[in-house]
Amino acid sequence: MFLDEKGKIRNRSNHEGALSTGVPGTVAGLFKAHQKLGRLPWNSLLEPAVRLARQGFPLTWSLHDDFRRMKNWWKRYPSSAEVFLKPNGDVYEPGENWKQPYLATTLQRIQREGAKGFYQGETARLIAQFMKDNNGLIRLNDLSSYRAIERVPVHGTFRGFDIYAMGPPSSGGVAIIEMLNILEPFDLKSMGHNSAEYLHLLVETMRKAFADRAAFLGDPDFNPDLPIELLGSKSYAEKFRQSLSLRSASKSRVSSITEPEESEQTTHFSVMDDQGNTVSLTFTLENSYGSKMVVQGAGFLLNNEMGDFNPVPGLTDQNGLIGTQPNRVAPGKRMLSSMTPTIVSHKGRAVMAIGSPGGRTIINTVLQVILNVLVFDMNIAEAVEAGRVHHQWFPDRIDLETRATSSDSLKILQNMGHAYRLRGSQGRAMGIWFDTKKKLFTGAADSRSPDGAAFGY
């Protein structure tokens, strides 16, 4: 389902310039997790969210800036303006109380009825009516038939640690394990953190993982032959190392692969308790504020997650488009994502939970935080705050945070054949580390996230 420039939802074959909505899955996923592993009553877990939406909270500077930046979008859609703007059309100011009564009522239905309170009944009716009014494609049957699916996590090892991460249709876990396998034998610490030598090796590893992501990964229910075990094997990493040059950059080659850009707007949180229970959870609306459209009377935004499918079959270009078969759109299919919620354990005990927003940069953000802790002996706060780099096969360049490395290292990388671009912040990692000797939890919220925070209870 696609949204045109006039705000109408259309069924389009041309992806360019379009926003798209899939059946929302967060409620089903969270409810399924609670039904299997939850210990507190479901209704009590929803109560704080209901109260916050009903009573409101003082708007932060970060949200104020977002709402102001999005003001013209909100004005396109009356249902969005009703939620995000004052009755006179002005933006809420920092410190003003922002209430969401429609959302509170929607949350109450979920609180009382679980997932049925969203996918059936009044909320489902509101979604279906909004779709119908805007030429949308989601119907009541699409909502009532939606099911969250439990997937087996992908698993790898790195220097005595176990790595557990999300498998397809998320690409992040497979890529993380593949990259750690490639890097494992190298004396990374002696190279120096974010030195030219280290960054070259890191970038070549990223290039390989993202090329494999484009070539092979998609929804496993529609691709039964995904080579997940092969991509995560030590032997596959060894074969790549044999062809790897430590002195010069390789070149990304287009062979017939293309995919759309992913938005960097996603949500992640990590949780650990004193019994070792650990949660690393990432979910997304896809683009910044999703489709920008709030369901009338329900108070929540629609995603534009359908844009993560490969838009044009067979089309892959040097700008990063990918058109391979595993991630082409099909009814009932889940789109490929880069979400990379990850848990690291040692001798059977979870010691790290980590994840981040950031579109395709998520994978490389999580990789670097893990390496910063396990290789460079940083504490979790240092690991999260350290400067980051990103390479995703195409475009064939390194994106570096301005504080990621020195000007001398940049010159060396250029001489090795790397193109680079300086950028602002990359990702907003949220991590926890458990010191098994001191029995001490340390949490870190990325300073790149203005409203992020770490709490102990």
Protein backbone atom coordinates (compact mmCIF):
# COMPACT_ATOMS: atom_id res chain seq x y z
CA MET A 1 0.00 0.00 0.00
CA PHE A 2 1.50 3.34 -1.04
CA LEU A 3 0.85 6.97 -0.22
CA ASP A 4 0.90 9.58 -2.96
CA GLU A 5 1.98 13.23 -2.78
CA LYS A 6 -1.59 14.32 -2.03
CA GLY A 7 -1.86 12.08 0.98
CA LYS A 8 -4.00 9.43 -0.68
CA ILE A 9 -3.05 5.78 -0.32
CA ARG A 10 -2.59 4.09 -3.69
CA ASN A 11 -1.60 0.68 -4.94
CA ARG A 12 1.57 1.46 -6.90
CA SER A 13 4.15 -0.58 -8.73
CA ASN A 14 6.62 2.30 -8.74
CA HIS A 15 8.36 2.54 -5.36
CA GLU A 16 10.13 5.86 -5.90
CA GLY A 17 8.74 8.64 -3.74
CA ALA A 18 6.18 6.40 -2.07
CA LEU A 19 5.43 5.56 1.55
CA SER A 20 3.93 2.17 2.34
CA THR A 21 2.15 0.41 5.21
CA GLY A 22 2.17 -3.23 6.28
CA VAL A 23 -0.12 -4.80 8.90
CA PRO A 24 1.25 -3.56 12.27
CA GLY A 25 2.98 -6.38 14.15
CA THR A 26 4.31 -4.87 17.40
CA VAL A 27 1.21 -5.57 19.49
CA ALA A 28 1.05 -9.21 18.37
CA GLY A 29 4.76 -9.71 19.01
CA LEU A 30 4.77 -8.21 22.48
CA PHE A 31 1.62 -10.07 23.50
CA LYS A 32 3.04 -13.40 22.25
CA ALA A 33 6.24 -12.83 24.22
CA HIS A 34 4.23 -12.05 27.35
CA GLN A 35 2.02 -15.12 26.94
CA LYS A 36 5.10 -17.34 26.76
CA LEU A 37 7.48 -15.71 29.25
CA GLY A 38 5.67 -12.88 31.05
CA ARG A 39 5.48 -12.96 34.85
CA LEU A 40 3.47 -9.85 35.67
CA PRO A 41 -0.21 -9.48 34.71
CA TRP A 42 -0.66 -8.08 31.20
CA ASN A 43 -3.11 -5.39 32.30
CA SER A 44 -0.72 -4.07 34.95
CA LEU A 45 2.06 -3.78 32.36
CA LEU A 46 -0.15 -1.64 30.11
CA GLU A 47 -1.38 0.64 32.91
CA PRO A 48 1.59 3.08 32.96
CA ALA A 49 1.29 3.60 29.19
CA VAL A 50 -2.47 4.18 29.44
CA ARG A 51 -1.94 6.67 32.25
CA LEU A 52 0.85 8.49 30.40
CA ALA A 53 -1.29 8.85 27.27
CA ARG A 54 -4.39 9.89 29.22
CA GLN A 55 -2.76 12.35 31.66
CA GLY A 56 0.01 13.51 29.33
CA PHE A 57 3.59 14.51 30.06
CA PRO A 58 5.72 17.64 29.63
CA LEU A 59 6.93 17.74 26.04
CA THR A 60 10.71 17.41 25.72
CA TRP A 61 12.85 19.70 23.60
CA SER A 62 13.65 16.77 21.31
CA LEU A 63 9.98 15.99 20.63
CA HIS A 64 9.22 19.69 20.21
CA ASP A 65 11.91 19.94 17.54
CA ASP A 66 10.53 16.84 15.83
CA PHE A 67 6.95 18.14 15.86
CA ARG A 68 8.05 21.51 14.53
CA ARG A 69 10.08 19.86 11.75
CA MET A 70 7.10 17.67 10.86
CA LYS A 71 4.50 20.44 11.08
CA ASN A 72 3.75 20.56 7.36
CA TRP A 73 3.28 16.80 7.32
CA TRP A 74 0.84 16.94 10.24
CA LYS A 75 -1.16 19.62 8.46
CA ARG A 76 -1.65 17.33 5.45
CA TYR A 77 -3.68 14.88 7.50
CA PRO A 78 -6.41 16.09 9.91
CA SER A 79 -6.09 12.95 12.06
CA SER A 80 -2.36 13.61 12.51
CA ALA A 81 -2.80 17.33 13.17
CA GLU A 82 -5.37 16.52 15.85
CA VAL A 83 -2.74 14.49 17.74
CA PHE A 84 0.48 16.40 17.16
CA LEU A 85 -0.68 20.04 16.95
CA LYS A 86 -2.74 22.33 19.15
CA PRO A 87 -6.32 23.10 18.08
CA ASN A 88 -5.09 26.41 16.62
CA GLY A 89 -2.45 24.59 14.51
CA ASP A 90 0.56 25.61 16.61
CA VAL A 91 3.25 23.22 17.81
CA TYR A 92 3.31 22.28 21.49
CA GLU A 93 6.10 24.08 23.31
CA PRO A 94 8.73 22.36 25.49
CA GLY A 95 7.30 21.77 28.96
CA GLU A 96 3.66 21.94 27.84
CA ASN A 97 1.56 18.94 28.77
CA TRP A 98 0.93 16.71 25.74
CA LYS A 99 -2.03 14.34 26.04
CA GLN A 100 -3.09 11.53 23.69
CA PRO A 101 -6.65 10.53 24.63
CA TYR A 102 -7.33 8.45 21.49
CA LEU A 103 -4.16 6.44 22.10
CA ALA A 104 -5.13 5.95 25.75
CA THR A 105 -8.43 4.41 24.68
CA THR A 106 -6.69 2.17 22.14
CA LEU A 107 -4.22 1.02 24.80
CA GLN A 108 -7.09 0.29 27.18
CA ARG A 109 -8.64 -2.05 24.64
CA ILE A 110 -5.30 -3.86 24.32
CA GLN A 111 -5.00 -3.84 28.12
CA ARG A 112 -8.37 -5.57 28.53
CA GLU A 113 -8.31 -7.96 25.58
CA GLY A 114 -4.67 -8.54 24.70
CA ALA A 115 -3.80 -8.74 21.02
CA LYS A 116 -7.50 -9.20 20.14
CA GLY A 117 -8.05 -5.66 21.42
CA PHE A 118 -5.99 -4.42 18.48
CA TYR A 119 -6.54 -6.88 15.63
CA GLN A 120 -10.25 -7.34 16.25
CA GLY A 121 -13.08 -5.18 17.56
CA GLU A 122 -13.18 -1.40 17.60
CA THR A 123 -9.50 -0.70 16.92
CA ALA A 124 -9.48 -3.02 13.92
CA ARG A 125 -12.68 -1.36 12.68
CA LEU A 126 -11.05 2.08 12.94
CA ILE A 127 -8.01 0.91 10.99
CA ALA A 128 -10.09 -0.72 8.27
CA GLN A 129 -12.36 2.32 7.97
CA PHE A 130 -9.37 4.66 7.72
CA MET A 131 -7.92 2.46 4.99
CA LYS A 132 -11.19 2.42 3.09
CA ASP A 133 -11.59 6.19 3.35
CA ASN A 134 -8.10 6.68 1.89
CA ASN A 135 -8.15 3.98 -0.80
CA GLY A 136 -6.01 1.75 1.40
CA LEU A 137 -5.60 -2.00 1.05
CA ILE A 138 -5.69 -3.38 4.62
CA ARG A 139 -9.03 -4.96 5.54
CA LEU A 140 -10.52 -6.49 8.68
CA ASN A 141 -9.52 -9.96 7.56
CA ASP A 142 -5.89 -8.88 7.12
CA LEU A 143 -5.86 -7.72 10.73
CA SER A 144 -7.69 -10.66 12.29
CA SER A 145 -5.55 -13.21 10.44
CA TYR A 146 -2.21 -11.63 11.38
CA ARG A 147 0.02 -13.80 13.57
CA ALA A 148 3.34 -13.11 15.25
CA ILE A 149 5.87 -15.85 14.49
CA GLU A 150 8.51 -17.10 16.90
CA ARG A 151 11.86 -17.58 15.16
CA VAL A 152 14.89 -19.49 16.41
CA PRO A 153 17.70 -16.96 17.08
CA VAL A 154 20.88 -17.26 15.07
CA HIS A 155 23.89 -18.26 17.15
CA GLY A 156 27.61 -17.80 16.78
CA THR A 157 30.72 -17.62 18.92
CA PHE A 158 33.47 -15.04 19.29
CA ARG A 159 36.53 -15.61 21.48
CA GLY A 160 34.71 -17.68 24.07
CA PHE A 161 31.49 -15.64 24.05
CA ASP A 162 28.18 -16.83 22.63
CA ILE A 163 26.37 -14.41 20.32
CA TYR A 164 22.58 -14.70 19.99
CA ALA A 165 20.77 -12.43 17.56
CA MET A 166 17.65 -12.11 15.45
CA GLY A 167 17.52 -14.20 12.29
CA PRO A 168 15.63 -13.59 9.03
CA PRO A 169 13.54 -11.78 8.06
CA SER A 170 15.92 -9.54 9.97
CA SER A 171 19.34 -9.52 8.34
CA GLY A 172 21.20 -8.16 11.36
CA GLY A 173 21.95 -11.35 13.27
CA VAL A 174 23.33 -13.24 10.28
CA ALA A 175 25.52 -10.29 9.32
CA ILE A 176 26.82 -9.80 12.88
CA ILE A 177 27.87 -13.44 13.21
CA GLU A 178 29.43 -13.47 9.73
CA MET A 179 31.48 -10.34 10.50
CA LEU A 180 32.62 -11.54 13.93
CA ASN A 181 33.73 -14.82 12.35
CA ILE A 182 35.81 -12.94 9.78
CA LEU A 183 37.41 -10.67 12.38
CA GLU A 184 38.01 -13.26 15.10
CA PRO A 185 41.58 -14.40 14.20
CA PHE A 186 43.01 -10.90 13.71
CA ASP A 187 44.94 -9.10 16.45
CA LEU A 188 42.52 -6.19 16.38
CA LYS A 189 43.64 -4.66 19.66
CA SER A 190 47.23 -4.21 18.49
CA MET A 191 45.99 -2.34 15.42
CA GLY A 192 44.52 0.37 17.65
CA HIS A 193 40.90 1.36 17.96
CA ASN A 194 39.69 3.15 14.79
CA SER A 195 43.17 3.29 13.31
CA ALA A 196 43.39 3.21 9.52
CA GLU A 197 44.51 -0.43 9.60
CA TYR A 198 41.60 -1.42 11.84
CA LEU A 199 39.01 0.58 9.91
CA HIS A 200 40.18 -0.87 6.60
CA LEU A 201 39.68 -4.41 7.91
CA LEU A 202 36.35 -3.45 9.46
CA VAL A 203 35.09 -1.87 6.23
CA GLU A 204 36.12 -4.82 4.05
CA THR A 205 34.27 -7.11 6.47
CA MET A 206 31.17 -4.90 6.36
CA ARG A 207 31.32 -4.81 2.57
CA LYS A 208 31.28 -8.61 2.40
CA ALA A 209 28.42 -9.02 4.90
CA PHE A 210 26.22 -6.46 3.18
CA ALA A 211 26.83 -7.99 -0.25
CA ASP A 212 25.70 -11.34 1.16
CA ARG A 213 22.72 -9.65 2.80
CA ALA A 214 21.62 -8.31 -0.56
CA ALA A 215 22.19 -11.57 -2.40
CA PHE A 216 20.64 -14.10 -0.04
CA LEU A 217 18.41 -12.83 2.76
CA GLY A 218 14.63 -12.42 3.03
CA ASP A 219 11.60 -13.97 4.73
CA PRO A 220 12.51 -17.63 5.48
CA ASP A 221 8.87 -18.72 5.03
CA PHE A 222 9.17 -17.76 1.36
CA ASN A 223 12.84 -18.74 0.95
CA PRO A 224 13.34 -22.21 2.44
CA ASP A 225 16.87 -22.46 1.04
CA LEU A 226 18.38 -19.40 2.74
CA PRO A 227 22.06 -20.32 3.40
CA ILE A 228 21.98 -19.15 7.03
CA GLU A 229 24.24 -21.90 8.37
CA LEU A 230 26.77 -21.35 5.60
CA LEU A 231 26.91 -17.56 6.10
CA GLY A 232 27.41 -18.05 9.84
CA SER A 233 30.09 -20.72 9.56
CA LYS A 234 33.76 -20.33 10.47
CA SER A 235 34.77 -22.02 7.19
CA TYR A 236 32.89 -19.43 5.13
CA ALA A 237 34.71 -16.65 6.99
CA GLU A 238 38.05 -18.36 6.42
CA LYS A 239 37.43 -18.59 2.69
CA PHE A 240 36.79 -14.85 2.56
CA ARG A 241 39.91 -14.05 4.61
CA GLN A 242 42.04 -15.87 2.02
CA SER A 243 41.00 -13.32 -0.60
CA LEU A 244 41.17 -10.27 1.67
CA SER A 245 43.83 -7.64 1.04
CA LEU A 246 45.08 -5.82 4.15
CA ARG A 247 46.69 -3.07 2.07
CA SER A 248 44.11 -1.92 -0.45
CA ALA A 249 40.35 -1.46 -0.71
CA SER A 250 38.34 -3.88 -2.79
CA LYS A 251 35.56 -2.61 -5.05
CA SER A 252 31.87 -3.26 -4.67
CA ARG A 253 30.49 -4.81 -7.84
CA VAL A 254 26.91 -4.71 -9.11
CA SER A 255 25.86 -8.12 -10.36
CA SER A 256 22.03 -7.77 -10.34
CA ILE A 257 21.13 -6.72 -6.81
CA THR A 258 19.01 -3.70 -5.45
CA GLU A 259 17.11 -2.52 -2.37
CA PRO A 260 15.65 0.72 -1.00
CA GLU A 261 17.19 2.83 1.69
CA GLU A 262 16.00 2.09 5.21
CA SER A 263 15.12 4.94 7.51
CA GLU A 264 17.28 5.44 10.56
CA GLN A 265 14.23 6.01 12.78
CA THR A 266 13.70 2.94 14.98
CA THR A 267 13.25 2.17 18.69
CA HIS A 268 15.40 -0.10 20.85
CA PHE A 269 15.63 -0.96 24.53
CA SER A 270 17.65 -3.50 26.52
CA VAL A 271 16.73 -5.03 29.90
CA MET A 272 18.47 -7.39 32.37
CA ASP A 273 17.44 -8.65 35.79
CA ASP A 274 19.27 -10.23 38.71
CA GLN A 275 18.21 -13.73 37.66
CA GLY A 276 19.83 -13.41 34.25
CA ASN A 277 16.65 -12.80 32.27
CA THR A 278 17.60 -10.57 29.37
CA VAL A 279 15.65 -8.70 26.70
CA SER A 280 17.02 -6.95 23.63
CA LEU A 281 14.09 -5.53 21.68
CA THR A 282 13.95 -3.45 18.50
CA PHE A 283 10.80 -2.29 16.71
CA THR A 284 10.12 0.32 14.08
CA LEU A 285 7.66 2.43 12.12
CA GLU A 286 10.36 2.47 9.40
CA ASN A 287 10.64 6.11 8.28
CA SER A 288 10.63 9.07 10.64
CA TYR A 289 7.10 8.89 12.12
CA GLY A 290 6.25 6.14 9.65
CA SER A 291 3.68 7.16 7.04
CA LYS A 292 2.97 10.39 9.02
CA MET A 293 -0.68 9.30 9.08
CA VAL A 294 -2.53 8.73 12.37
CA VAL A 295 -5.52 6.37 12.30
CA GLN A 296 -8.57 8.56 12.93
CA GLY A 297 -9.92 7.95 16.43
CA ALA A 298 -7.17 5.46 17.36
CA GLY A 299 -4.27 7.84 18.04
CA PHE A 300 -1.35 5.90 16.57
CA LEU A 301 0.77 6.28 13.44
CA LEU A 302 0.81 3.85 10.55
CA ASN A 303 4.18 2.44 9.49
CA ASN A 304 5.66 2.58 6.01
CA GLU A 305 7.54 -0.68 6.47
CA MET A 306 6.57 -2.06 3.06
CA GLY A 307 9.32 0.13 1.64
CA ASP A 308 11.84 -2.39 2.97
CA PHE A 309 10.92 -4.84 0.23
CA ASN A 310 13.10 -4.82 -2.88
CA PRO A 311 11.09 -2.49 -5.13
CA VAL A 312 12.15 -3.38 -8.67
CA PRO A 313 12.87 -7.03 -9.53
CA GLY A 314 16.36 -7.51 -10.87
CA LEU A 315 17.46 -3.89 -10.45
CA THR A 316 20.62 -3.33 -8.44
CA ASP A 317 22.72 -0.21 -8.80
CA GLN A 318 25.65 1.62 -7.29
CA ASN A 319 23.38 3.87 -5.22
CA GLY A 320 22.32 0.97 -3.03
CA LEU A 321 19.16 -0.30 -4.70
CA ILE A 322 18.71 -4.09 -4.59
CA GLY A 323 16.30 -6.27 -6.55
CA THR A 324 17.06 -9.88 -5.63
CA GLN A 325 14.40 -12.56 -5.36
CA PRO A 326 14.53 -13.36 -1.59
CA ASN A 327 13.11 -9.95 -0.57
CA ARG A 328 10.62 -9.19 -3.35
CA VAL A 329 7.12 -8.26 -2.25
CA ALA A 330 4.46 -10.99 -1.98
CA PRO A 331 1.16 -11.41 -0.08
CA GLY A 332 1.70 -12.49 3.52
CA LYS A 333 5.46 -12.01 3.26
CA ARG A 334 7.54 -10.21 5.88
CA MET A 335 10.04 -7.69 4.58
CA LEU A 336 13.77 -7.82 5.25
CA SER A 337 15.00 -5.48 7.98
CA SER A 338 18.30 -4.53 9.60
CA MET A 339 17.10 -4.72 13.18
CA THR A 340 19.83 -6.35 15.26
CA PRO A 341 18.78 -6.95 18.88
CA THR A 342 21.66 -9.00 20.28
CA ILE A 343 22.49 -10.86 23.49
CA VAL A 344 26.06 -11.88 24.37
CA SER A 345 26.58 -14.60 26.95
CA HIS A 346 29.60 -16.15 28.66
CA LYS A 347 29.56 -19.61 30.23
CA GLY A 348 25.79 -19.73 30.06
CA ARG A 349 25.15 -16.31 31.62
CA ALA A 350 23.97 -13.30 29.63
CA VAL A 351 26.54 -10.52 30.00
CA MET A 352 25.46 -8.02 27.35
CA ALA A 353 22.24 -6.82 25.74
CA ILE A 354 22.69 -4.39 22.89
CA GLY A 355 20.79 -2.90 19.96
CA SER A 356 20.22 0.37 18.16
CA PRO A 357 18.04 2.32 15.72
CA GLY A 358 19.62 3.39 12.47
CA GLY A 359 18.30 1.60 9.39
CA ARG A 360 21.09 -0.36 7.74
CA THR A 361 23.62 1.34 10.03
CA ILE A 362 22.11 -0.67 12.92
CA ILE A 363 24.13 -3.76 12.02
CA ASN A 364 27.48 -1.98 12.01
CA THR A 365 26.65 0.05 15.13
CA VAL A 366 25.94 -3.14 17.10
CA LEU A 367 29.07 -4.81 15.69
CA GLN A 368 31.30 -1.95 16.81
CA VAL A 369 29.84 -1.77 20.31
CA ILE A 370 30.42 -5.53 20.74
CA LEU A 371 34.02 -5.22 19.48
CA ASN A 372 34.65 -2.19 21.69
CA VAL A 373 33.76 -4.24 24.77
CA LEU A 374 35.09 -7.70 23.90
CA VAL A 375 38.26 -6.64 22.07
CA PHE A 376 39.19 -3.17 23.28
CA ASP A 377 38.12 -3.65 26.94
CA MET A 378 35.89 -0.59 27.01
CA ASN A 379 33.12 -0.38 29.58
CA ILE A 380 29.65 -0.30 28.11
CA ALA A 381 29.39 3.51 28.28
CA GLU A 382 32.73 3.98 26.50
CA ALA A 383 31.76 1.37 23.93
CA VAL A 384 28.45 3.09 23.17
CA GLU A 385 29.96 6.58 22.97
CA ALA A 386 32.96 5.73 20.76
CA GLY A 387 32.96 7.09 17.20
CA ARG A 388 31.45 4.84 14.52
CA VAL A 389 31.82 4.05 10.83
CA HIS A 390 29.56 2.39 8.29
CA HIS A 391 29.91 0.66 4.94
CA GLN A 392 26.99 -1.15 3.29
CA TRP A 393 28.49 -2.44 0.01
CA PHE A 394 26.70 0.22 -2.04
CA PRO A 395 27.17 3.16 -2.17
CA ASP A 396 30.85 2.16 -2.20
CA ARG A 397 32.11 4.54 0.45
CA ILE A 398 32.78 4.73 4.17
CA ASP A 399 30.45 6.92 6.21
CA LEU A 400 32.27 8.19 9.31
CA GLU A 401 31.10 10.19 12.27
CA THR A 402 33.20 13.33 12.40
CA ARG A 403 34.89 12.17 15.62
CA ALA A 404 35.41 8.57 14.55
CA THR A 405 39.09 8.80 13.56
CA SER A 406 41.98 11.17 12.87
CA SER A 407 42.71 13.16 9.72
CA ASP A 408 45.92 11.15 9.28
CA SER A 409 43.93 7.91 9.27
CA LEU A 410 41.54 9.34 6.70
CA LYS A 411 44.46 10.13 4.38
CA ILE A 412 45.78 6.58 4.77
CA LEU A 413 42.35 5.15 3.99
CA GLN A 414 42.16 7.32 0.87
CA ASN A 415 45.58 6.10 -0.25
CA MET A 416 44.33 2.53 0.21
CA GLY A 417 41.54 3.28 -2.27
CA HIS A 418 38.65 4.05 0.06
CA ALA A 419 36.19 6.85 -0.60
CA TYR A 420 34.64 8.38 2.50
CA ARG A 421 32.01 10.84 3.65
CA LEU A 422 31.78 12.53 7.03
CA ARG A 423 28.36 12.44 8.65
CA GLY A 424 26.61 13.35 11.87
CA SER A 425 25.67 10.78 14.46
CA GLN A 426 25.18 7.10 13.61
CA GLY A 427 22.69 5.06 15.61
CA ARG A 428 21.52 5.40 19.19
CA ALA A 429 22.81 2.30 20.92
CA MET A 430 21.24 1.17 24.19
CA GLY A 431 23.27 -1.41 26.09
CA ILE A 432 23.72 -3.26 29.36
CA TRP A 433 26.81 -5.11 30.63
CA PHE A 434 26.83 -7.55 33.54
CA ASP A 435 30.16 -8.01 35.33
CA THR A 436 30.07 -11.65 36.44
CA LYS A 437 32.91 -11.16 38.95
CA LYS A 438 31.57 -8.05 40.66
CA LYS A 439 27.91 -9.04 40.13
CA LEU A 440 27.39 -5.51 38.86
CA PHE A 441 25.03 -4.23 36.14
CA THR A 442 26.05 -1.21 34.08
CA GLY A 443 23.67 0.40 31.64
CA ALA A 444 24.44 2.99 28.98
CA ALA A 445 22.09 5.15 26.93
CA ASP A 446 23.71 6.70 23.88
CA SER A 447 24.16 10.45 24.15
CA ARG A 448 23.17 10.56 20.48
CA SER A 449 19.60 9.94 21.74
CA PRO A 450 18.34 13.16 23.37
CA ASP A 451 15.55 11.42 25.32
CA GLY A 452 17.36 8.13 25.94
CA ALA A 453 18.17 7.04 29.49
CA ALA A 454 19.54 4.16 31.55
CA PHE A 455 17.82 3.15 34.82
CA GLY A 456 18.41 0.62 37.59
CA TYR A 457 15.58 -0.66 39.78
